[in-house]
Protein backbone atom coordinates (compact mmCIF):
# COMPACT_ATOMS: atom_id res chain seq x y z
CA UNK A 1 23.72 10.46 4.75
CA UNK A 2 23.86 7.29 2.53
CA UNK A 3 26.40 4.61 3.31
CA UNK A 4 28.97 3.31 0.99
CA UNK A 5 28.04 -0.11 -0.21
CA UNK A 6 30.93 -2.78 -0.44
CA UNK A 7 31.51 -4.39 -3.71
CA UNK A 8 30.98 -7.81 -1.94
CA UNK A 9 27.65 -6.86 -0.61
CA UNK A 10 26.43 -5.57 -3.97
CA UNK A 11 27.50 -8.86 -5.84
CA UNK A 12 25.58 -10.94 -3.47
CA UNK A 13 22.82 -8.57 -3.89
CA UNK A 14 22.79 -9.32 -7.58
CA UNK A 15 23.15 -12.86 -7.13
CA UNK A 16 20.14 -13.08 -5.12
CA UNK A 17 18.21 -10.51 -7.20
CA UNK A 18 18.52 -13.05 -10.26
CA UNK A 19 16.88 -15.84 -8.36
CA UNK A 20 13.25 -16.87 -8.87
CA UNK A 21 10.57 -15.28 -6.57
CA UNK A 22 7.79 -17.81 -5.29
CA UNK A 23 4.37 -16.27 -5.13
CA UNK A 24 1.60 -17.38 -2.80
CA UNK A 25 -2.37 -17.32 -2.99
CA UNK A 26 -4.80 -16.01 -0.25
CA UNK A 27 -6.39 -19.29 -0.30
CA UNK A 28 -2.96 -20.94 0.53
CA UNK A 29 -2.06 -18.50 3.12
CA UNK A 30 -5.43 -19.34 4.78
CA UNK A 31 -5.09 -23.08 4.60
CA UNK A 32 -1.35 -22.97 5.57
CA UNK A 33 -2.01 -20.76 8.55
CA UNK A 34 -5.14 -22.40 9.88
CA UNK A 35 -3.16 -24.65 11.94
CA UNK A 36 -0.11 -22.84 13.34
CA UNK A 37 1.61 -25.66 14.80
CA UNK A 38 5.51 -25.56 15.45
CA UNK A 39 6.26 -27.58 12.29
CA UNK A 40 4.28 -25.03 10.18
CA UNK A 41 5.89 -21.96 11.89
CA UNK A 42 9.08 -23.61 11.08
CA UNK A 43 8.34 -24.11 7.46
CA UNK A 44 7.08 -20.48 7.22
CA UNK A 45 10.36 -19.13 8.82
CA UNK A 46 12.34 -21.27 6.33
CA UNK A 47 10.47 -19.88 3.45
CA UNK A 48 10.77 -16.38 4.44
CA UNK A 49 14.39 -16.93 5.01
CA UNK A 50 14.98 -17.95 1.52
CA UNK A 51 12.35 -15.69 -0.15
CA UNK A 52 12.40 -12.29 1.31
CA UNK A 53 16.46 -11.88 0.43
CA UNK A 54 15.37 -12.52 -3.21
CA UNK A 55 12.46 -9.96 -3.20
CA UNK A 56 14.57 -7.17 -1.17
CA UNK A 57 17.66 -7.78 -3.44
CA UNK A 58 15.41 -7.09 -6.63
CA UNK A 59 14.17 -3.86 -5.31
CA UNK A 60 17.74 -2.85 -3.95
CA UNK A 61 19.19 -3.20 -7.51
CA UNK A 62 16.40 -1.18 -8.92
CA UNK A 63 16.90 1.57 -6.30
CA UNK A 64 20.50 1.75 -7.69
CA UNK A 65 19.36 2.37 -11.24
CA UNK A 66 16.66 4.77 -11.54
CA UNK A 67 16.23 7.19 -14.36
CA UNK A 68 16.66 11.07 -14.01
CA UNK A 69 18.68 10.87 -11.20
CA UNK A 70 16.30 9.65 -8.79
CA UNK A 71 18.76 7.29 -7.19
CA UNK A 72 20.79 9.96 -5.89
CA UNK A 73 18.07 11.99 -4.11
CA UNK A 74 18.80 11.74 -0.33
CA UNK A 75 15.26 10.34 0.58
CA UNK A 76 15.71 7.58 -2.10
CA UNK A 77 19.39 6.93 -0.74
CA UNK A 78 17.75 6.54 2.70
CA UNK A 79 15.40 3.87 1.33
CA UNK A 80 18.04 1.97 -0.39
CA UNK A 81 19.93 1.89 2.88
CA UNK A 82 17.03 0.32 4.63
CA UNK A 83 16.72 -2.43 1.85
CA UNK A 84 20.25 -3.17 1.98
CA UNK A 85 20.33 -3.39 5.89
CA UNK A 86 17.47 -5.76 5.53
CA UNK A 87 19.30 -7.95 3.06
CA UNK A 88 22.38 -8.08 5.19
CA UNK A 89 20.09 -9.01 8.20
CA UNK A 90 18.37 -11.74 6.40
CA UNK A 91 21.69 -13.03 4.77
CA UNK A 92 23.74 -13.12 7.97
CA UNK A 93 21.05 -15.26 9.81
CA UNK A 94 21.97 -18.97 10.17
CA UNK A 95 19.92 -21.73 8.76
CA UNK A 96 16.68 -22.13 10.35
CA UNK A 97 16.69 -25.68 12.13
CA UNK A 98 14.72 -25.78 15.07
CA UNK A 99 11.91 -23.36 17.06
CA UNK A 100 14.91 -21.60 19.05
CA UNK A 101 16.19 -20.42 15.49
CA UNK A 102 12.64 -19.66 14.35
CA UNK A 103 11.97 -17.52 17.65
CA UNK A 104 15.17 -15.45 16.73
CA UNK A 105 14.29 -15.03 13.07
CA UNK A 106 10.77 -13.70 13.72
CA UNK A 107 12.32 -10.96 16.04
CA UNK A 108 14.49 -10.13 12.89
CA UNK A 109 11.72 -9.84 10.55
CA UNK A 110 9.66 -7.97 12.92
CA UNK A 111 12.42 -5.54 13.23
CA UNK A 112 12.66 -5.28 9.27
CA UNK A 113 8.97 -4.66 9.08
CA UNK A 114 9.49 -1.70 11.54
CA UNK A 115 12.64 -0.31 9.76
CA UNK A 116 10.43 -0.18 6.55
CA UNK A 117 7.34 1.59 8.06
CA UNK A 118 8.18 4.84 6.47
CA UNK A 119 9.07 3.84 3.09
CA UNK A 120 5.98 5.19 1.25
CA UNK A 121 6.40 8.94 2.54
CA UNK A 122 9.96 8.57 2.21
CA UNK A 123 9.90 7.50 -1.40
CA UNK A 124 7.33 10.38 -1.97
CA UNK A 125 9.76 12.97 -0.71
CA UNK A 126 12.37 11.51 -2.94
CA UNK A 127 10.00 11.75 -5.89
CA UNK A 128 9.29 15.31 -4.67
CA UNK A 129 12.71 16.15 -4.57
CA UNK A 130 13.23 15.14 -8.22
CA UNK A 131 10.26 17.12 -9.18
CA UNK A 132 11.94 20.28 -8.05
CA UNK A 133 14.98 19.80 -9.75
CA UNK A 134 13.18 18.90 -13.41
CA UNK A 135 12.75 21.22 -16.32
CA UNK A 136 9.64 23.24 -15.78
CA UNK A 137 8.30 22.03 -19.12
CA UNK A 138 8.62 18.35 -18.16
CA UNK A 139 5.78 16.93 -16.07
CA UNK A 140 6.71 13.93 -13.80
CA UNK A 141 3.68 12.21 -14.92
CA UNK A 142 5.26 11.89 -18.61
CA UNK A 143 8.16 9.90 -17.07
CA UNK A 144 6.62 6.48 -17.52
CA UNK A 145 9.63 4.53 -16.43
CA UNK A 146 9.64 6.18 -13.08
CA UNK A 147 6.00 5.21 -12.45
CA UNK A 148 6.38 1.83 -13.89
CA UNK A 149 9.38 1.26 -11.15
CA UNK A 150 7.22 2.73 -8.41
CA UNK A 151 4.27 0.55 -9.27
CA UNK A 152 6.78 -2.58 -8.94
CA UNK A 153 8.31 -1.16 -5.94
CA UNK A 154 5.18 -0.64 -4.01
CA UNK A 155 3.48 -3.66 -5.23
CA UNK A 156 6.54 -5.72 -4.11
CA UNK A 157 6.33 -3.91 -0.75
CA UNK A 158 2.95 -4.89 -0.04
CA UNK A 159 3.97 -8.67 -0.73
CA UNK A 160 6.89 -8.41 1.65
CA UNK A 161 4.77 -6.75 4.27
CA UNK A 162 1.99 -9.29 3.83
CA UNK A 163 4.34 -12.33 4.18
CA UNK A 164 6.16 -10.80 7.23
CA UNK A 165 2.77 -9.67 8.69
CA UNK A 166 1.16 -13.10 8.28
CA UNK A 167 3.99 -14.87 10.13
CA UNK A 168 4.07 -12.44 13.08
CA UNK A 169 0.30 -12.67 13.40
CA UNK A 170 0.47 -16.49 13.44
CA UNK A 171 2.46 -16.28 16.79
CA UNK A 172 -0.25 -14.36 18.61
CA UNK A 173 -1.79 -16.13 21.38
CA UNK A 174 -5.74 -16.48 21.60
CA UNK A 175 -6.37 -15.26 18.05
CA UNK A 176 -9.90 -14.36 16.79
CA UNK A 177 -11.41 -17.82 15.70
CA UNK A 178 -12.17 -16.21 12.34
CA UNK A 179 -8.69 -14.90 11.89
CA UNK A 180 -5.80 -16.60 10.12
CA UNK A 181 -3.01 -14.25 10.54
CA UNK A 182 -3.85 -10.96 8.91
CA UNK A 183 -6.70 -12.77 6.96
CA UNK A 184 -10.33 -12.55 8.27
CA UNK A 185 -12.17 -15.69 6.96
CA UNK A 186 -15.53 -14.08 7.71
CA UNK A 187 -14.70 -10.42 7.01
CA UNK A 188 -17.79 -8.09 6.74
CA UNK A 189 -17.07 -5.47 4.00
CA UNK A 190 -19.76 -3.25 5.18
CA UNK A 191 -18.37 -3.13 8.91
CA UNK A 192 -14.73 -2.36 7.30
CA UNK A 193 -16.19 0.31 5.10
CA UNK A 194 -17.97 1.85 7.97
CA UNK A 195 -14.70 2.05 9.98
CA UNK A 196 -12.86 3.57 7.21
CA UNK A 197 -15.71 6.09 6.81
CA UNK A 198 -15.57 7.11 10.33
CA UNK A 199 -11.71 7.75 10.07
CA UNK A 200 -11.84 9.45 6.87
CA UNK A 201 -14.70 11.94 8.25
CA UNK A 202 -12.77 12.48 11.56
CA UNK A 203 -9.99 13.78 9.35
CA UNK A 204 -12.05 15.68 7.17
CA UNK A 205 -13.52 17.33 10.23
CA UNK A 206 -10.20 17.97 11.77
CA UNK A 207 -9.07 19.84 8.42
CA UNK A 208 -12.24 21.71 7.63
CA UNK A 209 -14.44 21.86 10.65
CA UNK A 210 -16.99 19.82 8.82
CA UNK A 211 -17.52 16.56 6.85
CA UNK A 212 -20.13 15.60 4.28
CA UNK A 213 -22.36 12.76 5.19
CA UNK A 214 -21.81 9.16 3.84
CA UNK A 215 -24.64 6.92 3.07
CA UNK A 216 -23.96 2.96 2.55
CA UNK A 217 -25.90 0.24 1.08
CA UNK A 218 -25.04 -3.37 1.33
CA UNK A 219 -25.92 -6.67 3.17
CA UNK A 220 -24.71 -6.43 6.85
CA UNK A 221 -24.78 -10.31 7.12
CA UNK A 222 -22.41 -10.77 3.94
CA UNK A 223 -18.98 -11.83 4.68
CA UNK A 224 -16.03 -13.23 2.44
CA UNK A 225 -12.02 -13.99 3.27
CA UNK A 226 -10.08 -10.97 2.97
CA UNK A 227 -7.32 -8.91 4.70
CA UNK A 228 -9.40 -6.11 6.51
CA UNK A 229 -6.39 -3.77 6.92
CA UNK A 230 -6.01 -3.82 3.05
CA UNK A 231 -9.66 -3.15 2.47
CA UNK A 232 -9.68 -0.20 5.20
CA UNK A 233 -6.66 1.31 3.41
CA UNK A 234 -8.39 1.43 0.11
CA UNK A 235 -11.79 2.53 1.13
CA UNK A 236 -10.24 5.18 3.45
CA UNK A 237 -8.30 6.66 0.53
CA UNK A 238 -11.32 6.97 -1.96
CA UNK A 239 -13.78 8.25 0.67
CA UNK A 240 -11.11 10.80 1.96
CA UNK A 241 -10.61 11.87 -1.74
CA UNK A 242 -14.64 12.25 -2.24
CA UNK A 243 -14.96 14.15 1.08
CA UNK A 244 -12.26 16.65 0.13
CA UNK A 245 -13.75 17.12 -3.22
CA UNK A 246 -17.44 17.63 -2.11
CA UNK A 247 -16.28 19.80 1.03
CA UNK A 248 -14.09 22.17 -0.89
CA UNK A 249 -16.90 22.38 -3.82
CA UNK A 250 -19.64 23.18 -1.34
CA UNK A 251 -17.57 24.93 1.37
CA UNK A 252 -18.90 28.61 0.47
CA UNK A 253 -22.32 27.40 -0.83
CA UNK A 254 -25.56 27.88 0.97
CA UNK A 255 -26.82 24.53 -0.18
CA UNK A 256 -26.35 21.42 2.00
CA UNK A 257 -23.34 19.28 0.61
CA UNK A 258 -24.77 16.15 -1.16
CA UNK A 259 -23.75 12.79 0.60
CA UNK A 260 -21.36 10.33 -0.70
CA UNK A 261 -23.04 7.28 -1.72
CA UNK A 262 -21.42 3.85 -1.29
CA UNK A 263 -23.00 0.60 -2.51
CA UNK A 264 -21.37 -3.04 -1.85
CA UNK A 265 -22.28 -5.65 -4.44
CA UNK A 266 -21.31 -9.38 -3.90
CA UNK A 267 -20.94 -11.06 -7.21
CA UNK A 268 -19.81 -14.34 -7.93
CA UNK A 269 -16.14 -13.56 -8.78
CA UNK A 270 -16.08 -9.93 -7.40
CA UNK A 271 -17.02 -8.12 -4.30
CA UNK A 272 -17.55 -4.41 -5.88
CA UNK A 273 -17.67 -1.49 -3.84
CA UNK A 274 -18.77 1.69 -5.61
CA UNK A 275 -18.20 5.23 -4.03
CA UNK A 276 -19.81 8.06 -5.83
CA UNK A 277 -19.66 11.75 -4.99
CA UNK A 278 -20.68 15.09 -6.43
CA UNK A 279 -17.64 16.84 -5.94
CA UNK A 280 -17.36 18.27 -9.31
CA UNK A 281 -15.49 15.40 -11.01
CA UNK A 282 -12.02 15.51 -12.80
CA UNK A 283 -11.45 16.86 -16.31
CA UNK A 284 -11.15 14.04 -18.88
CA UNK A 285 -7.45 14.98 -19.75
CA UNK A 286 -6.48 14.51 -16.04
CA UNK A 287 -8.00 10.97 -15.63
CA UNK A 288 -4.86 9.19 -17.17
CA UNK A 289 -2.83 10.92 -14.47
CA UNK A 290 -4.81 9.81 -11.64
CA UNK A 291 -2.79 6.68 -11.30
CA UNK A 292 0.63 8.52 -11.57
CA UNK A 293 2.72 9.21 -8.46
CA UNK A 294 2.86 12.73 -7.14
CA UNK A 295 -0.07 13.70 -9.19
CA UNK A 296 -2.59 15.30 -6.95
CA UNK A 297 -5.89 17.32 -7.35
CA UNK A 298 -5.20 18.70 -3.93
CA UNK A 299 -3.27 21.99 -3.09
CA UNK A 300 0.72 21.89 -2.60
CA UNK A 301 1.43 19.31 0.20
CA UNK A 302 3.35 20.90 2.96
CA UNK A 303 4.31 17.33 3.97
CA UNK A 304 6.82 16.88 0.93
CA UNK A 305 8.89 19.81 1.79
CA UNK A 306 12.53 19.55 1.02
CA UNK A 307 13.61 20.51 4.28
CA UNK A 308 11.19 18.21 6.09
CA UNK A 309 12.75 15.71 8.63
CA UNK A 310 12.59 12.23 7.04
CA UNK A 311 12.51 10.68 10.22
CA UNK A 312 8.92 11.91 11.19
CA UNK A 313 7.38 12.11 7.57
CA UNK A 314 4.41 10.04 8.83
CA UNK A 315 1.71 12.75 9.19
CA UNK A 316 -1.29 12.21 7.15
CA UNK A 317 -3.35 15.09 5.70
CA UNK A 318 -6.51 15.13 3.40
CA UNK A 319 -4.17 15.90 0.48
CA UNK A 320 -1.76 12.67 1.32
CA UNK A 321 1.33 12.33 -0.67
CA UNK A 322 -0.16 11.99 -4.19
CA UNK A 323 0.36 8.24 -3.86
CA UNK A 324 -2.99 7.18 -2.44
CA UNK A 325 -4.83 6.24 -5.62
CA UNK A 326 -2.04 4.30 -7.25
CA UNK A 327 -1.17 2.43 -4.12
CA UNK A 328 -4.84 1.79 -3.51
CA UNK A 329 -5.07 0.23 -6.88
CA UNK A 330 -1.99 -1.91 -6.22
CA UNK A 331 -3.75 -3.27 -2.93
CA UNK A 332 -6.62 -4.19 -4.94
CA UNK A 333 -4.45 -6.01 -7.69
CA UNK A 334 -2.30 -7.81 -5.21
CA UNK A 335 -5.05 -10.30 -4.49
CA UNK A 336 -6.50 -10.09 -8.10
CA UNK A 337 -8.69 -7.25 -7.92
CA UNK A 338 -8.77 -3.96 -9.58
CA UNK A 339 -9.69 -0.02 -9.13
CA UNK A 340 -11.25 1.90 -11.65
CA UNK A 341 -12.19 5.67 -11.81
CA UNK A 342 -15.13 7.26 -13.92
CA UNK A 343 -15.67 10.96 -13.89
CA UNK A 344 -18.06 13.51 -15.09
CA UNK A 345 -16.65 16.98 -15.04
CA UNK A 346 -18.87 19.53 -13.53
CA UNK A 347 -20.73 16.95 -11.50
CA UNK A 348 -18.78 14.09 -9.70
CA UNK A 349 -16.63 10.84 -9.58
CA UNK A 350 -17.38 7.44 -9.27
CA UNK A 351 -14.66 4.72 -8.05
CA UNK A 352 -15.33 1.18 -8.45
CA UNK A 353 -13.17 -0.91 -6.18
CA UNK A 354 -13.04 -4.71 -7.27
CA UNK A 355 -12.11 -7.43 -4.78
CA UNK A 356 -11.70 -11.05 -5.98
CA UNK A 357 -13.62 -13.18 -3.77
CA UNK A 358 -12.14 -16.40 -4.96
CA UNK A 359 -8.88 -16.19 -3.29
CA UNK A 360 -6.98 -18.40 -5.79
CA UNK A 361 -5.17 -15.53 -7.48
CA UNK A 362 -1.42 -15.74 -7.10
CA UNK A 363 0.60 -12.58 -5.80
CA UNK A 364 1.88 -10.54 -8.75
CA UNK A 365 5.58 -10.69 -8.51
CA UNK A 366 7.42 -7.67 -10.08
């Protein structure tokens, strides 16, 4: 049940939500975090103490004012309460003056990160609850304002989690010498891609009892600074979609399913990962819908059941939540990259994942 919010809290939320956000670059995070002295940890905590309430307040305000009654869906009210609880936790914390304050504040933001772990499936459930109540003639893909909100909301979430995660990682004793917080200064995209392929194929095996082969081409010695968890998330999602398309197309076929082909190219500006499958492709009319929320080429998803327990909505299936592609594109855009999908109906699909290797692109701040 959603809690009733006092007028005083909402006034403070609106006050903070009108303040300016301050973006950081991958390069700055690497330079600042490469020397995690007490002084730098204190500066980081002070920055987060003033920055996180602004970002969280902006999302809280939007969660109150969504179109089509989305704000009143039980799952969305639950997410709103998480954001308001986190805002209160941050605002009620005293000014950070010394390392004792910093240590206590770090515990607070760690708890906030955990509180928000299930935001994506819970928001997906909220959109699903809305979808069920909409006019049968109205497709949710047509509601651009909902998709624009979700883009802003999830992009902001990536930024909030990156800032908190970076601060938490800088506290870890004996870090990998090539890691600065969450950032790997010599990340090998081939290795991360291989791990994502293994995870996606294991899931495909669990669901279908089989998994198409995946071939990968690229320089095993090539490295560049990036966040491995972000790359894993994006490649896993794209490979999972390709595996499902190929597996379902060739399931009852005597022919051997063709392999999914991955090429990693290192350019001067971008590292590009191309993922090609022969899973039958997507009709041209469906391409604009690929990056809308809750559009899925998969069968109905049992995870987004009206009666499902919101507390345990963290299971993952091959179908996902219909949020996989749009969120993967946001991960790419967060550090100045992009994700493009090209398809040949009747043959297959190519996904181009562009990662900016320069590191000087500032966070997009919705």
